[in-house]
Amino acid sequence: QVVFLPGFFSETLPTAPFATLALLRLDGDLYPSTRDALTHCYPRLAVGGFCIVDDYYAFEECRRAVDDYRSEHGITDELVRIDRLSVL
């Protein structure tokens, strides 16, 4: 099931109408939007689910947001490059 939520991540994700995600695909580009998406969605990722981050290798702010979040939450799973710019 796919649900589109119009608006900024910081405004729509805290009250998003879902409990669990099998797939999380982030395309926030900037630090605040990437961080907001991770903060509100990553904890809802199902065991065995996938988190894909677009532009990890394109934008320093995106990379820093992901790295900061992973560090702060003790996430040590390997990042796997899936194309020129994205990681899984």
C-alpha atoms as a PDB file:
ATOM      1  CA  GLN A   1       0.000   0.000   0.000  1.00  0.00           C
ATOM      2  CA  VAL A   2       1.362   3.413  -0.966  1.00  0.00           C
ATOM      3  CA  VAL A   3       0.368   6.644   0.768  1.00  0.00           C
ATOM      4  CA  PHE A   4       1.488  10.060  -0.478  1.00  0.00           C
ATOM      5  CA  LEU A   5       1.792  12.774   2.178  1.00  0.00           C
ATOM      6  CA  PRO A   6       2.039  16.272   0.724  1.00  0.00           C
ATOM      7  CA  GLY A   7       4.038  18.800   2.730  1.00  0.00           C
ATOM      8  CA  PHE A   8       7.360  19.126   4.481  1.00  0.00           C
ATOM      9  CA  PHE A   9       8.785  16.076   6.241  1.00  0.00           C
ATOM     10  CA  SER A  10       8.913  17.937   9.551  1.00  0.00           C
ATOM     11  CA  GLU A  11       5.177  18.679   9.334  1.00  0.00           C
ATOM     12  CA  THR A  12       3.799  15.441   7.887  1.00  0.00           C
ATOM     13  CA  LEU A  13       5.935  12.604   9.222  1.00  0.00           C
ATOM     14  CA  PRO A  14       5.403  12.995  12.998  1.00  0.00           C
ATOM     15  CA  THR A  15       1.729  12.102  12.549  1.00  0.00           C
ATOM     16  CA  ALA A  16       1.993   9.939   9.434  1.00  0.00           C
ATOM     17  CA  PRO A  17      -0.743   7.272   9.301  1.00  0.00           C
ATOM     18  CA  PHE A  18       1.447   4.169   9.338  1.00  0.00           C
ATOM     19  CA  ALA A  19       2.931   1.985  12.031  1.00  0.00           C
ATOM     20  CA  THR A  20       5.409  -0.168  10.122  1.00  0.00           C
ATOM     21  CA  LEU A  21       7.358   0.260   6.907  1.00  0.00           C
ATOM     22  CA  ALA A  22       8.805  -2.531   4.787  1.00  0.00           C
ATOM     23  CA  LEU A  23      10.605  -0.054   2.528  1.00  0.00           C
ATOM     24  CA  LEU A  24      11.817   3.436   3.352  1.00  0.00           C
ATOM     25  CA  ARG A  25      13.216   5.430   0.427  1.00  0.00           C
ATOM     26  CA  LEU A  26      14.617   8.803   1.429  1.00  0.00           C
ATOM     27  CA  ASP A  27      15.331  11.671  -0.953  1.00  0.00           C
ATOM     28  CA  GLY A  28      15.749  14.626   1.364  1.00  0.00           C
ATOM     29  CA  ASP A  29      19.069  15.991   0.014  1.00  0.00           C
ATOM     30  CA  LEU A  30      19.587  18.433   2.888  1.00  0.00           C
ATOM     31  CA  TYR A  31      20.484  17.764   6.509  1.00  0.00           C
ATOM     32  CA  PRO A  32      17.186  18.843   8.144  1.00  0.00           C
ATOM     33  CA  SER A  33      14.900  16.970   5.759  1.00  0.00           C
ATOM     34  CA  THR A  34      17.003  13.795   5.783  1.00  0.00           C
ATOM     35  CA  ARG A  35      17.265  13.919   9.553  1.00  0.00           C
ATOM     36  CA  ASP A  36      13.499  14.495   9.953  1.00  0.00           C
ATOM     37  CA  ALA A  37      12.735  11.519   7.730  1.00  0.00           C
ATOM     38  CA  LEU A  38      15.125   9.259   9.628  1.00  0.00           C
ATOM     39  CA  THR A  39      13.882  10.428  13.024  1.00  0.00           C
ATOM     40  CA  HIS A  40      10.238   9.761  12.247  1.00  0.00           C
ATOM     41  CA  CYS A  41      10.446   6.795   9.859  1.00  0.00           C
ATOM     42  CA  TYR A  42      13.498   4.680  10.630  1.00  0.00           C
ATOM     43  CA  PRO A  43      12.124   3.519  14.011  1.00  0.00           C
ATOM     44  CA  ARG A  44       9.048   2.250  12.130  1.00  0.00           C
ATOM     45  CA  LEU A  45      11.116   0.141   9.741  1.00  0.00           C
ATOM     46  CA  ALA A  46      10.137  -3.528  10.003  1.00  0.00           C
ATOM     47  CA  VAL A  47      12.697  -6.134  10.952  1.00  0.00           C
ATOM     48  CA  GLY A  48      14.131  -7.202   7.609  1.00  0.00           C
ATOM     49  CA  GLY A  49      12.936  -3.964   5.978  1.00  0.00           C
ATOM     50  CA  PHE A  50      15.060  -1.799   3.729  1.00  0.00           C
ATOM     51  CA  CYS A  51      16.103   1.832   3.997  1.00  0.00           C
ATOM     52  CA  ILE A  52      17.400   3.375   0.775  1.00  0.00           C
ATOM     53  CA  VAL A  53      18.963   6.833   0.928  1.00  0.00           C
ATOM     54  CA  ASP A  54      19.204   8.672  -2.394  1.00  0.00           C
ATOM     55  CA  ASP A  55      22.026  11.148  -2.857  1.00  0.00           C
ATOM     56  CA  TYR A  56      24.177   9.875   0.027  1.00  0.00           C
ATOM     57  CA  TYR A  57      27.214  10.374  -2.200  1.00  0.00           C
ATOM     58  CA  ALA A  58      25.875  13.517  -3.895  1.00  0.00           C
ATOM     59  CA  PHE A  59      25.245  15.863  -0.974  1.00  0.00           C
ATOM     60  CA  GLU A  60      27.472  16.287   2.079  1.00  0.00           C
ATOM     61  CA  GLU A  61      24.471  17.399   4.180  1.00  0.00           C
ATOM     62  CA  CYS A  62      22.583  14.203   3.361  1.00  0.00           C
ATOM     63  CA  ARG A  63      25.612  12.052   4.164  1.00  0.00           C
ATOM     64  CA  ARG A  64      26.226  13.882   7.435  1.00  0.00           C
ATOM     65  CA  ALA A  65      22.572  13.484   8.501  1.00  0.00           C
ATOM     66  CA  VAL A  66      22.679   9.743   7.844  1.00  0.00           C
ATOM     67  CA  ASP A  67      26.053   9.303   9.536  1.00  0.00           C
ATOM     68  CA  ASP A  68      24.999  11.369  12.564  1.00  0.00           C
ATOM     69  CA  TYR A  69      21.750   9.422  12.968  1.00  0.00           C
ATOM     70  CA  ARG A  70      23.521   6.078  12.659  1.00  0.00           C
ATOM     71  CA  SER A  71      26.162   7.115  15.179  1.00  0.00           C
ATOM     72  CA  GLU A  72      23.655   8.470  17.712  1.00  0.00           C
ATOM     73  CA  HIS A  73      21.549   5.284  17.512  1.00  0.00           C
ATOM     74  CA  GLY A  74      24.369   2.757  17.460  1.00  0.00           C
ATOM     75  CA  ILE A  75      23.537   1.538  13.961  1.00  0.00           C
ATOM     76  CA  THR A  76      26.512  -0.372  12.630  1.00  0.00           C
ATOM     77  CA  ASP A  77      25.007  -2.306   9.718  1.00  0.00           C
ATOM     78  CA  GLU A  78      27.099  -1.899   6.597  1.00  0.00           C
ATOM     79  CA  LEU A  79      25.987   0.731   4.092  1.00  0.00           C
ATOM     80  CA  VAL A  80      25.765  -0.879   0.665  1.00  0.00           C
ATOM     81  CA  ARG A  81      26.210   1.294  -2.396  1.00  0.00           C
ATOM     82  CA  ILE A  82      23.386   0.460  -4.820  1.00  0.00           C
ATOM     83  CA  ASP A  83      24.154   2.971  -7.561  1.00  0.00           C
ATOM     84  CA  ARG A  84      26.354   5.992  -8.212  1.00  0.00           C
ATOM     85  CA  LEU A  85      24.723   8.104  -5.487  1.00  0.00           C
ATOM     86  CA  SER A  86      22.573   5.900  -3.241  1.00  0.00           C
ATOM     87  CA  VAL A  87      23.040   3.479  -0.362  1.00  0.00           C
ATOM     88  CA  LEU A  88      20.965   0.733   1.213  1.00  0.00           C
END
